[in-house]
């Protein structure tokens, strides 16, 4: 039979367990907060990217294609040209 000296002390074990649980929760919430902060920064950068020269150029090119200006053509005309080219081959 186990004597009194062989028993595991419950108070220190419970303390160590609670401190470990607390540390795990703090680390988990900290990582979650950092990831959320990074996601918000990336979203802000994406929103600013809409005002970039690339986006303005794309908008201008789409307008040119739709109006047929600067050598652009409508989608229907391009499809007709491709079909005629395939028929002649």
PDB file of N, CA and C in Angstrom:
ATOM      1  N   UNK A   1       0.837  -1.178   0.000  1.00  0.00           N
ATOM      2  CA  UNK A   1       0.000   0.000   0.000  1.00  0.00           C
ATOM      3  C   UNK A   1       0.881   1.241   0.000  1.00  0.00           C
ATOM      4  N   UNK A   2       0.325   2.282  -0.597  1.00  0.00           N
ATOM      5  CA  UNK A   2       1.074   3.537  -0.655  1.00  0.00           C
ATOM      6  C   UNK A   2       0.965   4.246   0.672  1.00  0.00           C
ATOM      7  N   UNK A   3       2.061   4.772   1.056  1.00  0.00           N
ATOM      8  CA  UNK A   3       2.048   5.525   2.305  1.00  0.00           C
ATOM      9  C   UNK A   3       1.816   7.000   1.998  1.00  0.00           C
ATOM     10  N   UNK A   4       1.738   7.787   3.010  1.00  0.00           N
ATOM     11  CA  UNK A   4       1.459   9.215   2.877  1.00  0.00           C
ATOM     12  C   UNK A   4       2.525   9.925   2.036  1.00  0.00           C
ATOM     13  N   UNK A   5       3.735   9.493   2.092  1.00  0.00           N
ATOM     14  CA  UNK A   5       4.838  10.151   1.375  1.00  0.00           C
ATOM     15  C   UNK A   5       4.772   9.895  -0.127  1.00  0.00           C
ATOM     16  N   UNK A   6       4.123   8.807  -0.554  1.00  0.00           N
ATOM     17  CA  UNK A   6       4.044   8.463  -1.968  1.00  0.00           C
ATOM     18  C   UNK A   6       2.934   9.190  -2.717  1.00  0.00           C
ATOM     19  N   UNK A   7       2.044   9.883  -2.038  1.00  0.00           N
ATOM     20  CA  UNK A   7       0.930  10.564  -2.699  1.00  0.00           C
ATOM     21  C   UNK A   7       1.425  11.818  -3.426  1.00  0.00           C
ATOM     22  N   UNK A   8       0.809  12.097  -4.554  1.00  0.00           N
ATOM     23  CA  UNK A   8       1.164  13.275  -5.346  1.00  0.00           C
ATOM     24  C   UNK A   8       0.495  14.493  -4.714  1.00  0.00           C
ATOM     25  N   UNK A   9       1.253  15.555  -4.516  1.00  0.00           N
ATOM     26  CA  UNK A   9       0.638  16.761  -3.941  1.00  0.00           C
ATOM     27  C   UNK A   9      -0.281  17.430  -4.983  1.00  0.00           C
ATOM     28  N   UNK A  10      -1.526  17.605  -4.634  1.00  0.00           N
ATOM     29  CA  UNK A  10      -2.538  18.102  -5.559  1.00  0.00           C
ATOM     30  C   UNK A  10      -2.420  19.609  -5.782  1.00  0.00           C
ATOM     31  N   UNK A  11      -2.155  20.390  -4.761  1.00  0.00           N
ATOM     32  CA  UNK A  11      -2.127  21.853  -4.880  1.00  0.00           C
ATOM     33  C   UNK A  11      -1.085  22.333  -5.897  1.00  0.00           C
ATOM     34  N   UNK A  12       0.178  21.887  -5.841  1.00  0.00           N
ATOM     35  CA  UNK A  12       1.142  22.353  -6.841  1.00  0.00           C
ATOM     36  C   UNK A  12       0.792  21.879  -8.254  1.00  0.00           C
ATOM     37  N   UNK A  13       0.261  20.669  -8.375  1.00  0.00           N
ATOM     38  CA  UNK A  13      -0.126  20.153  -9.677  1.00  0.00           C
ATOM     39  C   UNK A  13      -1.257  20.988 -10.279  1.00  0.00           C
ATOM     40  N   UNK A  14      -2.235  21.343  -9.477  1.00  0.00           N
ATOM     41  CA  UNK A  14      -3.347  22.180  -9.942  1.00  0.00           C
ATOM     42  C   UNK A  14      -2.842  23.566 -10.328  1.00  0.00           C
ATOM     43  N   UNK A  15      -1.916  24.101  -9.551  1.00  0.00           N
ATOM     44  CA  UNK A  15      -1.362  25.423  -9.856  1.00  0.00           C
ATOM     45  C   UNK A  15      -0.606  25.410 -11.182  1.00  0.00           C
ATOM     46  N   UNK A  16       0.226  24.400 -11.367  1.00  0.00           N
ATOM     47  CA  UNK A  16       0.985  24.291 -12.608  1.00  0.00           C
ATOM     48  C   UNK A  16       0.035  24.136 -13.806  1.00  0.00           C
ATOM     49  N   UNK A  17      -1.018  23.347 -13.639  1.00  0.00           N
ATOM     50  CA  UNK A  17      -1.985  23.139 -14.708  1.00  0.00           C
ATOM     51  C   UNK A  17      -2.711  24.438 -15.060  1.00  0.00           C
ATOM     52  N   UNK A  18      -3.154  25.174 -14.057  1.00  0.00           N
ATOM     53  CA  UNK A  18      -3.863  26.428 -14.308  1.00  0.00           C
ATOM     54  C   UNK A  18      -2.953  27.479 -14.940  1.00  0.00           C
ATOM     55  N   UNK A  19      -1.707  27.560 -14.498  1.00  0.00           N
ATOM     56  CA  UNK A  19      -0.765  28.518 -15.089  1.00  0.00           C
ATOM     57  C   UNK A  19      -0.489  28.137 -16.549  1.00  0.00           C
ATOM     58  N   UNK A  20      -0.307  26.860 -16.814  1.00  0.00           N
ATOM     59  CA  UNK A  20      -0.084  26.411 -18.183  1.00  0.00           C
ATOM     60  C   UNK A  20      -1.271  26.717 -19.080  1.00  0.00           C
ATOM     61  N   UNK A  21      -2.473  26.491 -18.578  1.00  0.00           N
ATOM     62  CA  UNK A  21      -3.682  26.793 -19.339  1.00  0.00           C
ATOM     63  C   UNK A  21      -3.778  28.283 -19.620  1.00  0.00           C
ATOM     64  N   UNK A  22      -3.470  29.093 -18.623  1.00  0.00           N
ATOM     65  CA  UNK A  22      -3.506  30.547 -18.770  1.00  0.00           C
ATOM     66  C   UNK A  22      -2.502  31.005 -19.840  1.00  0.00           C
ATOM     67  N   UNK A  23      -1.304  30.463 -19.810  1.00  0.00           N
ATOM     68  CA  UNK A  23      -0.279  30.825 -20.786  1.00  0.00           C
ATOM     69  C   UNK A  23      -0.721  30.426 -22.190  1.00  0.00           C
ATOM     70  N   UNK A  24      -1.292  29.247 -22.336  1.00  0.00           N
ATOM     71  CA  UNK A  24      -1.769  28.801 -23.650  1.00  0.00           C
ATOM     72  C   UNK A  24      -2.848  29.727 -24.191  1.00  0.00           C
ATOM     73  N   UNK A  25      -3.797  30.137 -23.340  1.00  0.00           N
ATOM     74  CA  UNK A  25      -4.855  31.032 -23.777  1.00  0.00           C
ATOM     75  C   UNK A  25      -4.308  32.404 -24.163  1.00  0.00           C
ATOM     76  N   UNK A  26      -3.368  32.922 -23.371  1.00  0.00           N
ATOM     77  CA  UNK A  26      -2.779  34.228 -23.682  1.00  0.00           C
ATOM     78  C   UNK A  26      -2.050  34.173 -25.022  1.00  0.00           C
ATOM     79  N   UNK A  27      -1.300  33.122 -25.255  1.00  0.00           N
ATOM     80  CA  UNK A  27      -0.579  32.982 -26.527  1.00  0.00           C
ATOM     81  C   UNK A  27      -1.567  32.852 -27.687  1.00  0.00           C
ATOM     82  N   UNK A  28      -2.617  32.065 -27.508  1.00  0.00           N
ATOM     83  CA  UNK A  28      -3.602  31.883 -28.579  1.00  0.00           C
ATOM     84  C   UNK A  28      -4.296  33.197 -28.918  1.00  0.00           C
ATOM     85  N   UNK A  29      -4.729  33.946 -27.911  1.00  0.00           N
ATOM     86  CA  UNK A  29      -5.383  35.227 -28.165  1.00  0.00           C
ATOM     87  C   UNK A  29      -4.404  36.241 -28.754  1.00  0.00           C
ATOM     88  N   UNK A  30      -3.167  36.208 -28.328  1.00  0.00           N
ATOM     89  CA  UNK A  30      -2.156  37.111 -28.877  1.00  0.00           C
ATOM     90  C   UNK A  30      -1.901  36.841 -30.350  1.00  0.00           C
ATOM     91  N   UNK A  31      -1.776  35.576 -30.717  1.00  0.00           N
ATOM     92  CA  UNK A  31      -1.565  35.212 -32.117  1.00  0.00           C
ATOM     93  C   UNK A  31      -2.781  35.614 -32.944  1.00  0.00           C
ATOM     94  N   UNK A  32      -3.974  35.388 -32.404  1.00  0.00           N
ATOM     95  CA  UNK A  32      -5.195  35.788 -33.120  1.00  0.00           C
ATOM     96  C   UNK A  32      -5.252  37.293 -33.341  1.00  0.00           C
ATOM     97  N   UNK A  33      -4.860  38.068 -32.333  1.00  0.00           N
ATOM     98  CA  UNK A  33      -4.854  39.525 -32.475  1.00  0.00           C
ATOM     99  C   UNK A  33      -3.833  39.971 -33.512  1.00  0.00           C
ATOM    100  N   UNK A  34      -2.660  39.367 -33.507  1.00  0.00           N
ATOM    101  CA  UNK A  34      -1.634  39.728 -34.491  1.00  0.00           C
ATOM    102  C   UNK A  34      -2.075  39.386 -35.905  1.00  0.00           C
ATOM    103  N   UNK A  35      -2.687  38.225 -36.096  1.00  0.00           N
ATOM    104  CA  UNK A  35      -3.171  37.843 -37.421  1.00  0.00           C
ATOM    105  C   UNK A  35      -4.280  38.778 -37.896  1.00  0.00           C
ATOM    106  N   UNK A  36      -5.154  39.163 -36.986  1.00  0.00           N
ATOM    107  CA  UNK A  36      -6.211  40.107 -37.348  1.00  0.00           C
ATOM    108  C   UNK A  36      -5.640  41.455 -37.757  1.00  0.00           C
ATOM    109  N   UNK A  37      -4.611  41.904 -37.060  1.00  0.00           N
ATOM    110  CA  UNK A  37      -3.971  43.175 -37.390  1.00  0.00           C
ATOM    111  C   UNK A  37      -3.332  43.113 -38.774  1.00  0.00           C
ATOM    112  N   UNK A  38      -2.667  42.006 -39.079  1.00  0.00           N
ATOM    113  CA  UNK A  38      -2.031  41.845 -40.385  1.00  0.00           C
ATOM    114  C   UNK A  38      -3.089  41.812 -41.487  1.00  0.00           C
ATOM    115  N   UNK A  39      -4.199  41.137 -41.256  1.00  0.00           N
ATOM    116  CA  UNK A  39      -5.262  41.072 -42.251  1.00  0.00           C
ATOM    117  C   UNK A  39      -5.856  42.455 -42.511  1.00  0.00           C
ATOM    118  N   UNK A  40      -6.039  43.252 -41.452  1.00  0.00           N
ATOM    119  CA  UNK A  40      -6.564  44.605 -41.643  1.00  0.00           C
ATOM    120  C   UNK A  40      -5.596  45.471 -42.434  1.00  0.00           C
ATOM    121  N   UNK A  41      -4.294  45.330 -42.184  1.00  0.00           N
ATOM    122  CA  UNK A  41      -3.298  46.092 -42.944  1.00  0.00           C
ATOM    123  C   UNK A  41      -3.312  45.696 -44.414  1.00  0.00           C
ATOM    124  N   UNK A  42      -3.412  44.398 -44.703  1.00  0.00           N
ATOM    125  CA  UNK A  42      -3.452  43.943 -46.082  1.00  0.00           C
ATOM    126  C   UNK A  42      -4.715  44.427 -46.788  1.00  0.00           C
ATOM    127  N   UNK A  43      -5.828  44.431 -46.073  1.00  0.00           N
ATOM    128  CA  UNK A  43      -7.079  44.920 -46.652  1.00  0.00           C
ATOM    129  C   UNK A  43      -6.969  46.403 -46.971  1.00  0.00           C
ATOM    130  N   UNK A  44      -6.324  47.168 -46.103  1.00  0.00           N
ATOM    131  CA  UNK A  44      -6.122  48.595 -46.366  1.00  0.00           C
ATOM    132  C   UNK A  44      -5.225  48.794 -47.584  1.00  0.00           C
ATOM    133  N   UNK A  45      -4.196  47.974 -47.727  1.00  0.00           N
ATOM    134  CA  UNK A  45      -3.317  48.086 -48.882  1.00  0.00           C
ATOM    135  C   UNK A  45      -4.066  47.733 -50.167  1.00  0.00           C
ATOM    136  N   UNK A  46      -4.941  46.723 -50.096  1.00  0.00           N
ATOM    137  CA  UNK A  46      -5.729  46.360 -51.271  1.00  0.00           C
ATOM    138  C   UNK A  46      -6.675  47.493 -51.655  1.00  0.00           C
ATOM    139  N   UNK A  47      -7.281  48.129 -50.640  1.00  0.00           N
ATOM    140  CA  UNK A  47      -8.191  49.240 -50.921  1.00  0.00           C
ATOM    141  C   UNK A  47      -7.439  50.406 -51.562  1.00  0.00           C
ATOM    142  N   UNK A  48      -6.232  50.656 -51.130  1.00  0.00           N
ATOM    143  CA  UNK A  48      -5.435  51.719 -51.730  1.00  0.00           C
ATOM    144  C   UNK A  48      -4.990  51.320 -53.129  1.00  0.00           C
ATOM    145  N   UNK A  49      -4.855  50.048 -53.377  1.00  0.00           N
ATOM    146  CA  UNK A  49      -4.433  49.561 -54.677  1.00  0.00           C
ATOM    147  C   UNK A  49      -5.449  49.851 -55.774  1.00  0.00           C
ATOM    148  N   UNK A  50      -6.714  50.064 -55.392  1.00  0.00           N
ATOM    149  CA  UNK A  50      -7.727  50.367 -56.388  1.00  0.00           C
ATOM    150  C   UNK A  50      -7.471  51.721 -57.044  1.00  0.00           C
ATOM    151  N   UNK A  51      -6.740  52.587 -56.366  1.00  0.00           N
ATOM    152  CA  UNK A  51      -6.429  53.895 -56.920  1.00  0.00           C
ATOM    153  C   UNK A  51      -5.077  53.906 -57.612  1.00  0.00           C
ATOM    154  N   UNK A  52      -4.530  52.757 -57.852  1.00  0.00           N
ATOM    155  CA  UNK A  52      -3.209  52.669 -58.455  1.00  0.00           C
ATOM    156  C   UNK A  52      -3.271  52.991 -59.946  1.00  0.00           C
ATOM    157  N   UNK A  53      -2.146  53.322 -60.561  1.00  0.00           N
ATOM    158  CA  UNK A  53      -2.123  53.583 -62.004  1.00  0.00           C
ATOM    159  C   UNK A  53      -2.582  52.371 -62.821  1.00  0.00           C
ATOM    160  N   UNK A  54      -2.316  51.180 -62.327  1.00  0.00           N
ATOM    161  CA  UNK A  54      -2.733  49.972 -63.046  1.00  0.00           C
ATOM    162  C   UNK A  54      -4.251  49.922 -63.170  1.00  0.00           C
ATOM    163  N   UNK A  55      -4.951  50.197 -62.074  1.00  0.00           N
ATOM    164  CA  UNK A  55      -6.415  50.159 -62.110  1.00  0.00           C
ATOM    165  C   UNK A  55      -6.956  51.249 -63.024  1.00  0.00           C
ATOM    166  N   UNK A  56      -6.342  52.425 -63.008  1.00  0.00           N
ATOM    167  CA  UNK A  56      -6.781  53.505 -63.891  1.00  0.00           C
ATOM    168  C   UNK A  56      -6.544  53.123 -65.347  1.00  0.00           C
ATOM    169  N   UNK A  57      -5.413  52.494 -65.626  1.00  0.00           N
ATOM    170  CA  UNK A  57      -5.109  52.063 -66.987  1.00  0.00           C
ATOM    171  C   UNK A  57      -6.112  51.017 -67.468  1.00  0.00           C
ATOM    172  N   UNK A  58      -6.453  50.089 -66.607  1.00  0.00           N
ATOM    173  CA  UNK A  58      -7.425  49.056 -66.977  1.00  0.00           C
ATOM    174  C   UNK A  58      -8.783  49.682 -67.288  1.00  0.00           C
ATOM    175  N   UNK A  59      -9.202  50.641 -66.479  1.00  0.00           N
ATOM    176  CA  UNK A  59     -10.480  51.302 -66.708  1.00  0.00           C
ATOM    177  C   UNK A  59     -10.462  52.042 -68.041  1.00  0.00           C
ATOM    178  N   UNK A  60      -9.362  52.723 -68.330  1.00  0.00           N
ATOM    179  CA  UNK A  60      -9.226  53.446 -69.593  1.00  0.00           C
ATOM    180  C   UNK A  60      -9.262  52.483 -70.780  1.00  0.00           C
ATOM    181  N   UNK A  61      -8.564  51.355 -70.667  1.00  0.00           N
ATOM    182  CA  UNK A  61      -8.540  50.388 -71.760  1.00  0.00           C
ATOM    183  C   UNK A  61      -9.912  49.775 -71.997  1.00  0.00           C
ATOM    184  N   UNK A  62     -10.629  49.483 -70.926  1.00  0.00           N
ATOM    185  CA  UNK A  62     -11.979  48.936 -71.083  1.00  0.00           C
ATOM    186  C   UNK A  62     -12.885  49.935 -71.787  1.00  0.00           C
ATOM    187  N   UNK A  63     -12.755  51.209 -71.432  1.00  0.00           N
ATOM    188  CA  UNK A  63     -13.569  52.235 -72.080  1.00  0.00           C
ATOM    189  C   UNK A  63     -13.219  52.337 -73.558  1.00  0.00           C
ATOM    190  N   UNK A  64     -11.926  52.249 -73.892  1.00  0.00           N
ATOM    191  CA  UNK A  64     -11.506  52.312 -75.291  1.00  0.00           C
ATOM    192  C   UNK A  64     -12.049  51.131 -76.089  1.00  0.00           C
ATOM    193  N   UNK A  65     -12.023  49.950 -75.516  1.00  0.00           N
ATOM    194  CA  UNK A  65     -12.514  48.761 -76.215  1.00  0.00           C
ATOM    195  C   UNK A  65     -14.014  48.866 -76.444  1.00  0.00           C
ATOM    196  N   UNK A  66     -14.735  49.337 -75.429  1.00  0.00           N
ATOM    197  CA  UNK A  66     -16.184  49.437 -75.568  1.00  0.00           C
ATOM    198  C   UNK A  66     -16.585  50.490 -76.590  1.00  0.00           C
ATOM    199  N   UNK A  67     -15.812  51.576 -76.686  1.00  0.00           N
ATOM    200  CA  UNK A  67     -16.164  52.633 -77.630  1.00  0.00           C
ATOM    201  C   UNK A  67     -15.595  52.378 -79.016  1.00  0.00           C
ATOM    202  N   UNK A  68     -14.665  51.457 -79.148  1.00  0.00           N
ATOM    203  CA  UNK A  68     -14.062  51.161 -80.431  1.00  0.00           C
ATOM    204  C   UNK A  68     -12.954  52.129 -80.804  1.00  0.00           C
ATOM    205  N   UNK A  69     -12.520  52.944 -79.858  1.00  0.00           N
ATOM    206  CA  UNK A  69     -11.472  53.925 -80.124  1.00  0.00           C
ATOM    207  C   UNK A  69     -10.096  53.267 -80.070  1.00  0.00           C
ATOM    208  N   UNK A  70      -9.128  53.913 -80.692  1.00  0.00           N
ATOM    209  CA  UNK A  70      -7.722  53.505 -80.656  1.00  0.00           C
ATOM    210  C   UNK A  70      -7.530  52.052 -81.080  1.00  0.00           C
ATOM    211  N   UNK A  71      -8.214  51.662 -82.102  1.00  0.00           N
ATOM    212  CA  UNK A  71      -8.003  50.321 -82.626  1.00  0.00           C
ATOM    213  C   UNK A  71      -8.721  49.232 -81.862  1.00  0.00           C
ATOM    214  N   UNK A  72      -9.445  49.571 -80.841  1.00  0.00           N
ATOM    215  CA  UNK A  72     -10.186  48.569 -80.089  1.00  0.00           C
ATOM    216  C   UNK A  72     -11.421  48.142 -80.857  1.00  0.00           C
ATOM    217  N   UNK A  73     -11.963  47.004 -80.550  1.00  0.00           N
ATOM    218  CA  UNK A  73     -13.174  46.545 -81.214  1.00  0.00           C
ATOM    219  C   UNK A  73     -14.050  45.851 -80.186  1.00  0.00           C
ATOM    220  N   UNK A  74     -15.308  45.789 -80.510  1.00  0.00           N
ATOM    221  CA  UNK A  74     -16.236  45.143 -79.589  1.00  0.00           C
ATOM    222  C   UNK A  74     -15.999  43.635 -79.594  1.00  0.00           C
ATOM    223  N   UNK A  75     -16.519  42.989 -78.616  1.00  0.00           N
ATOM    224  CA  UNK A  75     -16.351  41.540 -78.497  1.00  0.00           C
ATOM    225  C   UNK A  75     -17.035  40.828 -79.657  1.00  0.00           C
ATOM    226  N   UNK A  76     -18.222  41.307 -80.038  1.00  0.00           N
ATOM    227  CA  UNK A  76     -18.947  40.673 -81.149  1.00  0.00           C
ATOM    228  C   UNK A  76     -18.146  40.768 -82.445  1.00  0.00           C
ATOM    229  N   UNK A  77     -17.555  41.921 -82.686  1.00  0.00           N
ATOM    230  CA  UNK A  77     -16.760  42.092 -83.906  1.00  0.00           C
ATOM    231  C   UNK A  77     -15.522  41.188 -83.883  1.00  0.00           C
ATOM    232  N   UNK A  78     -14.894  41.069 -82.716  1.00  0.00           N
ATOM    233  CA  UNK A  78     -13.712  40.208 -82.606  1.00  0.00           C
ATOM    234  C   UNK A  78     -14.086  38.745 -82.847  1.00  0.00           C
ATOM    235  N   UNK A  79     -15.216  38.317 -82.316  1.00  0.00           N
ATOM    236  CA  UNK A  79     -15.656  36.930 -82.521  1.00  0.00           C
ATOM    237  C   UNK A  79     -15.951  36.690 -83.999  1.00  0.00           C
ATOM    238  N   UNK A  80     -16.639  37.654 -84.639  1.00  0.00           N
ATOM    239  CA  UNK A  80     -16.914  37.510 -86.074  1.00  0.00           C
ATOM    240  C   UNK A  80     -15.625  37.398 -86.867  1.00  0.00           C
ATOM    241  N   UNK A  81     -14.636  38.196 -86.548  1.00  0.00           N
ATOM    242  CA  UNK A  81     -13.354  38.166 -87.263  1.00  0.00           C
ATOM    243  C   UNK A  81     -12.669  36.812 -87.085  1.00  0.00           C
ATOM    244  N   UNK A  82     -12.714  36.269 -85.868  1.00  0.00           N
ATOM    245  CA  UNK A  82     -12.088  34.964 -85.602  1.00  0.00           C
ATOM    246  C   UNK A  82     -12.805  33.870 -86.379  1.00  0.00           C
ATOM    247  N   UNK A  83     -14.131  33.928 -86.393  1.00  0.00           N
ATOM    248  CA  UNK A  83     -14.901  32.904 -87.105  1.00  0.00           C
ATOM    249  C   UNK A  83     -14.611  32.967 -88.604  1.00  0.00           C
ATOM    250  N   UNK A  84     -14.568  34.184 -89.175  1.00  0.00           N
ATOM    251  CA  UNK A  84     -14.266  34.330 -90.597  1.00  0.00           C
ATOM    252  C   UNK A  84     -12.866  33.825 -90.909  1.00  0.00           C
ATOM    253  N   UNK A  85     -11.927  34.080 -90.010  1.00  0.00           N
ATOM    254  CA  UNK A  85     -10.545  33.621 -90.233  1.00  0.00           C
ATOM    255  C   UNK A  85     -10.488  32.096 -90.226  1.00  0.00           C
ATOM    256  N   UNK A  86     -11.272  31.447 -89.358  1.00  0.00           N
ATOM    257  CA  UNK A  86     -11.264  29.989 -89.295  1.00  0.00           C
ATOM    258  C   UNK A  86     -11.945  29.401 -90.528  1.00  0.00           C
ATOM    259  N   UNK A  87     -12.962  30.095 -91.049  1.00  0.00           N
ATOM    260  CA  UNK A  87     -13.663  29.590 -92.230  1.00  0.00           C
ATOM    261  C   UNK A  87     -12.771  29.622 -93.466  1.00  0.00           C
ATOM    262  N   UNK A  88     -11.884  30.599 -93.545  1.00  0.00           N
ATOM    263  CA  UNK A  88     -11.026  30.715 -94.720  1.00  0.00           C
ATOM    264  C   UNK A  88      -9.871  29.729 -94.692  1.00  0.00           C
ATOM    265  N   UNK A  89      -9.568  29.184 -93.554  1.00  0.00           N
ATOM    266  CA  UNK A  89      -8.424  28.253 -93.440  1.00  0.00           C
ATOM    267  C   UNK A  89      -8.796  26.858 -93.790  1.00  0.00           C
TER     268      UNK A  89
END
